[in-house]
């Protein structure tokens, strides 16, 4: 069994995929647009070029993404945070800074804790929460 996060960006999935590729070295796999749906599939006018489904890999994890219903509202990622374990403190700092780029907000600055040599929390510009850590042998805090 496998559990994979599925992130709905409400019209900003293309931008998010580009951001995660640059910030995290993500590798984008499948990208299916609403216009790729079989003939007869109802597609709301104006969303044909939006992403119906995509997958991307960050490190060893595969995440999925979509533009969702493209309602124009900001996506809400409440109640979930993605945890990113870096190889070392320098890498943790680079990842933390990269995820902050373009409008992210710090929830907890990256610093040494009793459970990791580096740990910090942030929300990126898409509203996705992240915990970035290093030096804890891969165990969650």
N, C-alpha and C. Protein backbone atom coordinates (compact mmCIF):
# COMPACT_ATOMS: atom_id res chain seq x y z
N UNK A 1 0.85 -1.17 0.00
CA UNK A 1 0.00 0.00 0.00
C UNK A 1 0.89 1.23 0.00
N UNK A 2 0.41 2.29 -0.65
CA UNK A 2 1.15 3.53 -0.74
C UNK A 2 0.18 4.69 -0.54
N UNK A 3 0.61 5.69 0.23
CA UNK A 3 -0.18 6.92 0.40
C UNK A 3 0.60 8.04 -0.28
N UNK A 4 -0.09 8.80 -1.12
CA UNK A 4 0.57 9.89 -1.83
C UNK A 4 -0.26 11.17 -1.67
N UNK A 5 0.39 12.28 -1.35
CA UNK A 5 -0.33 13.55 -1.28
C UNK A 5 -0.84 13.95 -2.67
N UNK A 6 -2.04 14.48 -2.71
CA UNK A 6 -2.63 14.99 -3.95
C UNK A 6 -2.99 16.44 -3.67
N UNK A 7 -2.24 17.35 -4.28
CA UNK A 7 -2.38 18.77 -4.01
C UNK A 7 -3.21 19.44 -5.11
N UNK A 8 -4.26 20.13 -4.72
CA UNK A 8 -5.12 20.86 -5.66
C UNK A 8 -4.82 22.34 -5.57
N UNK A 9 -4.31 22.91 -6.67
CA UNK A 9 -3.84 24.29 -6.69
C UNK A 9 -4.85 25.28 -7.26
N UNK A 10 -6.04 24.85 -7.54
CA UNK A 10 -7.13 25.71 -8.00
C UNK A 10 -6.70 26.70 -9.08
N UNK A 11 -6.09 26.18 -10.14
CA UNK A 11 -5.74 27.00 -11.28
C UNK A 11 -4.27 27.40 -11.34
N UNK A 12 -3.46 27.02 -10.34
CA UNK A 12 -2.05 27.41 -10.31
C UNK A 12 -1.10 26.21 -10.35
N UNK A 13 -1.57 25.06 -10.80
CA UNK A 13 -0.74 23.85 -10.78
C UNK A 13 0.49 23.99 -11.68
N UNK A 14 0.35 24.57 -12.84
CA UNK A 14 1.49 24.74 -13.75
C UNK A 14 2.57 25.58 -13.07
N UNK A 15 2.17 26.67 -12.44
CA UNK A 15 3.09 27.53 -11.71
C UNK A 15 3.74 26.77 -10.56
N UNK A 16 2.96 26.00 -9.83
CA UNK A 16 3.47 25.23 -8.70
C UNK A 16 4.49 24.19 -9.16
N UNK A 17 4.21 23.49 -10.24
CA UNK A 17 5.15 22.49 -10.74
C UNK A 17 6.48 23.15 -11.13
N UNK A 18 6.42 24.30 -11.76
CA UNK A 18 7.63 25.03 -12.11
C UNK A 18 8.40 25.46 -10.87
N UNK A 19 7.66 25.93 -9.87
CA UNK A 19 8.28 26.37 -8.62
C UNK A 19 8.98 25.21 -7.92
N UNK A 20 8.30 24.07 -7.77
CA UNK A 20 8.90 22.93 -7.07
C UNK A 20 10.07 22.32 -7.87
N UNK A 21 10.02 22.43 -9.18
CA UNK A 21 11.14 21.98 -10.00
C UNK A 21 12.37 22.83 -9.70
N UNK A 22 12.18 24.15 -9.65
CA UNK A 22 13.30 25.06 -9.38
C UNK A 22 13.75 25.00 -7.93
N UNK A 23 12.81 24.99 -6.99
CA UNK A 23 13.14 25.07 -5.57
C UNK A 23 13.66 23.77 -4.99
N UNK A 24 13.08 22.65 -5.43
CA UNK A 24 13.38 21.36 -4.81
C UNK A 24 14.04 20.36 -5.76
N UNK A 25 14.20 20.74 -7.01
CA UNK A 25 14.73 19.78 -7.99
C UNK A 25 13.72 18.72 -8.35
N UNK A 26 12.43 19.06 -8.21
CA UNK A 26 11.37 18.10 -8.54
C UNK A 26 11.45 17.69 -10.00
N UNK A 27 11.01 16.48 -10.27
CA UNK A 27 10.95 15.97 -11.63
C UNK A 27 9.48 15.72 -11.97
N UNK A 28 9.00 16.40 -13.00
CA UNK A 28 7.60 16.28 -13.39
C UNK A 28 7.45 15.08 -14.32
N UNK A 29 6.47 14.24 -14.01
CA UNK A 29 6.19 13.06 -14.83
C UNK A 29 5.00 13.33 -15.73
N UNK A 30 3.89 12.72 -15.43
CA UNK A 30 2.68 12.84 -16.22
C UNK A 30 2.04 14.21 -16.05
N UNK A 31 1.60 14.79 -17.15
CA UNK A 31 0.78 16.00 -17.11
C UNK A 31 -0.38 15.79 -18.08
N UNK A 32 -1.59 15.75 -17.54
CA UNK A 32 -2.79 15.63 -18.38
C UNK A 32 -3.63 16.88 -18.17
N UNK A 33 -4.02 17.48 -19.26
CA UNK A 33 -4.85 18.67 -19.22
C UNK A 33 -6.31 18.30 -19.42
N UNK A 34 -7.18 19.18 -19.02
CA UNK A 34 -8.61 18.91 -19.21
C UNK A 34 -8.92 18.68 -20.69
N UNK A 35 -8.18 19.34 -21.58
CA UNK A 35 -8.40 19.15 -23.03
C UNK A 35 -8.02 17.75 -23.49
N UNK A 36 -7.25 17.02 -22.66
CA UNK A 36 -6.86 15.65 -23.00
C UNK A 36 -7.94 14.62 -22.66
N UNK A 37 -8.98 15.05 -21.98
CA UNK A 37 -10.05 14.12 -21.58
C UNK A 37 -10.73 13.56 -22.83
N UNK A 38 -11.21 12.34 -22.75
CA UNK A 38 -11.89 11.73 -23.90
C UNK A 38 -13.08 12.57 -24.36
N UNK A 39 -13.35 12.50 -25.64
CA UNK A 39 -14.49 13.22 -26.20
C UNK A 39 -15.76 12.83 -25.46
N UNK A 40 -16.57 13.82 -25.17
CA UNK A 40 -17.81 13.58 -24.44
C UNK A 40 -17.68 13.84 -22.94
N UNK A 41 -16.44 13.96 -22.45
CA UNK A 41 -16.22 14.26 -21.03
C UNK A 41 -16.56 15.73 -20.81
N UNK A 42 -17.43 16.02 -19.86
CA UNK A 42 -17.77 17.43 -19.62
C UNK A 42 -16.57 18.20 -19.07
N UNK A 43 -16.21 19.27 -19.76
CA UNK A 43 -15.13 20.16 -19.34
C UNK A 43 -15.67 21.57 -19.35
N UNK A 44 -15.56 22.23 -18.21
CA UNK A 44 -16.07 23.59 -18.09
C UNK A 44 -15.31 24.51 -19.04
N UNK A 45 -15.99 25.35 -19.79
CA UNK A 45 -15.31 26.28 -20.69
C UNK A 45 -14.31 27.16 -19.93
N UNK A 46 -13.14 27.35 -20.56
CA UNK A 46 -12.12 28.20 -19.98
C UNK A 46 -11.05 27.46 -19.19
N UNK A 47 -11.25 26.17 -18.95
CA UNK A 47 -10.26 25.41 -18.18
C UNK A 47 -9.56 24.34 -19.02
N UNK A 48 -9.78 24.36 -20.31
CA UNK A 48 -9.24 23.31 -21.17
C UNK A 48 -7.73 23.14 -21.04
N UNK A 49 -6.99 24.24 -20.88
CA UNK A 49 -5.53 24.18 -20.80
C UNK A 49 -5.01 23.99 -19.38
N UNK A 50 -5.89 23.92 -18.41
CA UNK A 50 -5.49 23.71 -17.02
C UNK A 50 -5.16 22.24 -16.79
N UNK A 51 -4.43 21.97 -15.72
CA UNK A 51 -3.97 20.61 -15.43
C UNK A 51 -5.04 19.82 -14.68
N UNK A 52 -5.50 18.75 -15.31
CA UNK A 52 -6.46 17.85 -14.69
C UNK A 52 -5.74 16.92 -13.70
N UNK A 53 -4.55 16.46 -14.11
CA UNK A 53 -3.77 15.57 -13.25
C UNK A 53 -2.30 15.67 -13.63
N UNK A 54 -1.44 15.67 -12.64
CA UNK A 54 0.01 15.61 -12.86
C UNK A 54 0.63 14.87 -11.69
N UNK A 55 1.81 14.31 -11.94
CA UNK A 55 2.58 13.77 -10.83
C UNK A 55 3.99 14.32 -10.92
N UNK A 56 4.61 14.47 -9.76
CA UNK A 56 5.98 14.95 -9.71
C UNK A 56 6.69 14.29 -8.55
N UNK A 57 8.00 14.14 -8.71
CA UNK A 57 8.80 13.46 -7.72
C UNK A 57 9.75 14.45 -7.06
N UNK A 58 9.79 14.38 -5.73
CA UNK A 58 10.74 15.15 -4.93
C UNK A 58 11.50 14.13 -4.11
N UNK A 59 12.80 14.01 -4.39
CA UNK A 59 13.57 12.97 -3.71
C UNK A 59 12.99 11.61 -4.04
N UNK A 60 12.59 10.88 -3.01
CA UNK A 60 12.02 9.54 -3.19
C UNK A 60 10.50 9.52 -3.17
N UNK A 61 9.88 10.69 -3.02
CA UNK A 61 8.43 10.76 -2.88
C UNK A 61 7.77 11.25 -4.17
N UNK A 62 6.66 10.61 -4.51
CA UNK A 62 5.86 11.07 -5.64
C UNK A 62 4.61 11.74 -5.09
N UNK A 63 4.38 12.95 -5.56
CA UNK A 63 3.18 13.71 -5.19
C UNK A 63 2.36 13.89 -6.46
N UNK A 64 1.09 14.17 -6.28
CA UNK A 64 0.22 14.42 -7.41
C UNK A 64 -0.35 15.82 -7.28
N UNK A 65 -0.72 16.40 -8.42
CA UNK A 65 -1.22 17.77 -8.42
C UNK A 65 -2.31 17.93 -9.47
N UNK A 66 -3.13 18.94 -9.24
CA UNK A 66 -4.22 19.25 -10.16
C UNK A 66 -4.57 20.73 -10.01
N UNK A 67 -5.21 21.26 -11.02
CA UNK A 67 -5.79 22.59 -10.89
C UNK A 67 -7.15 22.52 -10.21
N UNK A 68 -7.62 21.31 -9.95
CA UNK A 68 -8.89 21.14 -9.25
C UNK A 68 -10.05 21.69 -10.05
N UNK A 69 -10.93 22.39 -9.37
CA UNK A 69 -12.13 22.91 -10.02
C UNK A 69 -11.94 24.29 -10.62
N UNK A 70 -10.76 24.91 -10.40
CA UNK A 70 -10.45 26.22 -10.96
C UNK A 70 -11.53 27.25 -10.63
N UNK A 71 -11.89 27.33 -9.37
CA UNK A 71 -12.95 28.25 -8.95
C UNK A 71 -12.45 29.67 -8.73
N UNK A 72 -11.12 29.84 -8.70
CA UNK A 72 -10.57 31.17 -8.46
C UNK A 72 -10.33 31.46 -6.99
N UNK A 73 -10.70 30.54 -6.13
CA UNK A 73 -10.45 30.74 -4.70
C UNK A 73 -9.05 30.20 -4.36
N UNK A 74 -8.49 30.71 -3.30
CA UNK A 74 -7.17 30.23 -2.87
C UNK A 74 -7.31 28.82 -2.31
N UNK A 75 -6.42 27.90 -2.70
CA UNK A 75 -6.50 26.55 -2.15
C UNK A 75 -6.21 26.57 -0.65
N UNK A 76 -6.80 25.65 0.05
CA UNK A 76 -6.61 25.56 1.50
C UNK A 76 -5.98 24.22 1.83
N UNK A 77 -4.77 24.28 2.36
CA UNK A 77 -4.05 23.07 2.72
C UNK A 77 -4.01 22.92 4.24
N UNK A 78 -5.08 23.23 4.89
CA UNK A 78 -5.13 23.17 6.34
C UNK A 78 -5.11 21.73 6.82
N UNK A 79 -4.41 21.53 7.94
CA UNK A 79 -4.41 20.20 8.56
C UNK A 79 -3.39 19.25 7.99
N UNK A 80 -2.54 19.71 7.07
CA UNK A 80 -1.50 18.84 6.51
C UNK A 80 -0.23 19.65 6.28
N UNK A 81 0.90 19.03 6.56
CA UNK A 81 2.21 19.63 6.33
C UNK A 81 3.10 18.58 5.70
N UNK A 82 3.85 18.97 4.70
CA UNK A 82 4.79 18.05 4.07
C UNK A 82 6.13 18.19 4.78
N UNK A 83 6.75 17.07 5.10
CA UNK A 83 8.03 17.06 5.80
C UNK A 83 9.14 16.73 4.82
N UNK A 84 10.17 17.56 4.81
CA UNK A 84 11.27 17.42 3.88
C UNK A 84 12.56 17.24 4.67
N UNK A 85 13.20 16.08 4.55
CA UNK A 85 14.43 15.79 5.27
C UNK A 85 15.63 16.02 4.35
N UNK A 86 16.49 16.95 4.75
CA UNK A 86 17.68 17.30 3.96
C UNK A 86 18.87 16.45 4.41
N UNK A 87 19.87 16.36 3.54
CA UNK A 87 21.07 15.57 3.84
C UNK A 87 21.91 16.19 4.94
N UNK A 88 21.93 17.52 5.02
CA UNK A 88 22.74 18.21 6.02
C UNK A 88 22.15 19.59 6.28
N UNK A 89 22.75 20.32 7.21
CA UNK A 89 22.23 21.63 7.60
C UNK A 89 22.27 22.64 6.46
N UNK A 90 23.33 22.61 5.67
CA UNK A 90 23.44 23.54 4.54
C UNK A 90 22.34 23.29 3.52
N UNK A 91 22.06 22.02 3.24
CA UNK A 91 20.99 21.68 2.31
C UNK A 91 19.64 22.08 2.89
N UNK A 92 19.46 21.89 4.18
CA UNK A 92 18.20 22.31 4.83
C UNK A 92 18.00 23.81 4.66
N UNK A 93 19.04 24.59 4.84
CA UNK A 93 18.94 26.04 4.68
C UNK A 93 18.59 26.41 3.24
N UNK A 94 19.23 25.76 2.27
CA UNK A 94 18.93 26.04 0.86
C UNK A 94 17.48 25.72 0.54
N UNK A 95 16.99 24.56 0.99
CA UNK A 95 15.61 24.17 0.73
C UNK A 95 14.63 25.11 1.40
N UNK A 96 14.90 25.46 2.64
CA UNK A 96 14.04 26.37 3.40
C UNK A 96 13.94 27.70 2.66
N UNK A 97 15.08 28.26 2.26
CA UNK A 97 15.09 29.55 1.56
C UNK A 97 14.39 29.45 0.21
N UNK A 98 14.60 28.35 -0.51
CA UNK A 98 13.98 28.18 -1.82
C UNK A 98 12.47 28.10 -1.71
N UNK A 99 11.97 27.40 -0.68
CA UNK A 99 10.52 27.29 -0.50
C UNK A 99 9.90 28.61 -0.05
N UNK A 100 10.68 29.47 0.57
CA UNK A 100 10.19 30.79 0.99
C UNK A 100 10.11 31.77 -0.18
N UNK A 101 10.86 31.52 -1.24
CA UNK A 101 10.96 32.46 -2.35
C UNK A 101 9.59 32.80 -2.94
N UNK A 102 9.44 34.04 -3.28
CA UNK A 102 8.24 34.46 -3.98
C UNK A 102 7.00 34.60 -3.12
N UNK A 103 7.16 34.74 -1.82
CA UNK A 103 5.99 35.01 -1.00
C UNK A 103 5.65 34.00 0.07
N UNK A 104 6.56 33.10 0.38
CA UNK A 104 6.33 32.16 1.48
C UNK A 104 6.41 32.88 2.82
N UNK A 105 5.92 32.23 3.87
CA UNK A 105 5.97 32.82 5.21
C UNK A 105 6.56 31.81 6.20
N UNK A 106 7.38 32.32 7.09
CA UNK A 106 8.02 31.48 8.11
C UNK A 106 7.04 31.25 9.25
N UNK A 107 6.86 29.99 9.61
CA UNK A 107 6.06 29.63 10.79
C UNK A 107 6.96 29.43 11.99
N UNK A 108 8.14 28.85 11.74
CA UNK A 108 9.17 28.65 12.77
C UNK A 108 10.51 28.73 12.05
N UNK A 109 11.38 29.67 12.43
CA UNK A 109 12.66 29.80 11.75
C UNK A 109 13.49 28.52 11.82
N UNK A 110 14.29 28.31 10.80
CA UNK A 110 15.18 27.15 10.77
C UNK A 110 16.25 27.32 11.86
N UNK A 111 16.34 26.37 12.76
CA UNK A 111 17.27 26.46 13.88
C UNK A 111 17.54 25.07 14.44
N UNK A 112 18.56 24.99 15.28
CA UNK A 112 18.87 23.74 15.97
C UNK A 112 17.80 23.49 17.03
N UNK A 113 17.39 22.24 17.16
CA UNK A 113 16.41 21.84 18.18
C UNK A 113 16.96 20.62 18.92
N UNK A 114 16.24 20.16 19.90
CA UNK A 114 16.68 18.97 20.62
C UNK A 114 16.52 17.70 19.81
N UNK A 115 15.77 17.75 18.70
CA UNK A 115 15.53 16.55 17.89
C UNK A 115 16.15 16.63 16.49
N UNK A 116 16.75 17.77 16.13
CA UNK A 116 17.37 17.89 14.81
C UNK A 116 18.41 19.00 14.83
N UNK A 117 19.44 18.85 14.01
CA UNK A 117 20.44 19.91 13.94
C UNK A 117 19.89 21.13 13.21
N UNK A 118 18.87 20.94 12.37
CA UNK A 118 18.14 22.03 11.73
C UNK A 118 16.68 21.63 11.62
N UNK A 119 15.81 22.53 12.03
CA UNK A 119 14.37 22.30 11.88
C UNK A 119 13.68 23.65 11.74
N UNK A 120 12.79 23.74 10.77
CA UNK A 120 12.00 24.95 10.60
C UNK A 120 10.70 24.64 9.89
N UNK A 121 9.74 25.53 10.02
CA UNK A 121 8.43 25.34 9.38
C UNK A 121 8.08 26.60 8.59
N UNK A 122 7.46 26.39 7.44
CA UNK A 122 7.06 27.51 6.59
C UNK A 122 5.84 27.13 5.77
N UNK A 123 5.23 28.14 5.23
CA UNK A 123 4.15 27.96 4.26
C UNK A 123 4.64 28.60 2.97
N UNK A 124 4.61 27.85 1.87
CA UNK A 124 5.11 28.40 0.61
C UNK A 124 4.06 29.32 -0.01
N UNK A 125 4.38 29.92 -1.13
CA UNK A 125 3.49 30.92 -1.75
C UNK A 125 2.17 30.34 -2.24
N UNK A 126 2.05 29.02 -2.28
CA UNK A 126 0.81 28.37 -2.69
C UNK A 126 -0.06 27.99 -1.49
N UNK A 127 0.47 28.20 -0.29
CA UNK A 127 -0.27 27.84 0.92
C UNK A 127 0.05 26.45 1.45
N UNK A 128 1.01 25.76 0.83
CA UNK A 128 1.40 24.42 1.28
C UNK A 128 2.36 24.56 2.46
N UNK A 129 2.07 23.86 3.55
CA UNK A 129 2.93 23.87 4.73
C UNK A 129 4.06 22.87 4.59
N UNK A 130 5.25 23.28 5.04
CA UNK A 130 6.44 22.44 4.97
C UNK A 130 7.18 22.46 6.29
N UNK A 131 7.72 21.31 6.67
CA UNK A 131 8.70 21.21 7.74
C UNK A 131 9.99 20.79 7.05
N UNK A 132 11.06 21.53 7.31
CA UNK A 132 12.36 21.20 6.73
C UNK A 132 13.28 20.84 7.89
N UNK A 133 13.95 19.69 7.78
CA UNK A 133 14.81 19.26 8.86
C UNK A 133 16.04 18.53 8.35
N UNK A 134 17.06 18.50 9.19
CA UNK A 134 18.30 17.77 8.91
C UNK A 134 18.88 17.31 10.24
N UNK A 135 19.70 16.28 10.18
CA UNK A 135 20.42 15.83 11.34
C UNK A 135 19.58 15.11 12.38
N UNK A 136 18.57 14.37 11.92
CA UNK A 136 17.76 13.60 12.87
C UNK A 136 17.63 12.15 12.42
N UNK A 137 18.50 11.73 11.53
CA UNK A 137 18.49 10.36 10.99
C UNK A 137 17.18 9.98 10.32
N UNK A 138 16.47 11.00 9.77
CA UNK A 138 15.26 10.74 9.01
C UNK A 138 14.01 10.53 9.82
N UNK A 139 14.09 10.59 11.14
CA UNK A 139 12.90 10.42 11.97
C UNK A 139 12.16 11.74 12.08
N UNK A 140 10.85 11.69 12.00
CA UNK A 140 10.05 12.90 12.14
C UNK A 140 10.16 13.42 13.57
N UNK A 141 10.04 14.73 13.75
CA UNK A 141 10.14 15.30 15.09
C UNK A 141 9.03 14.83 16.01
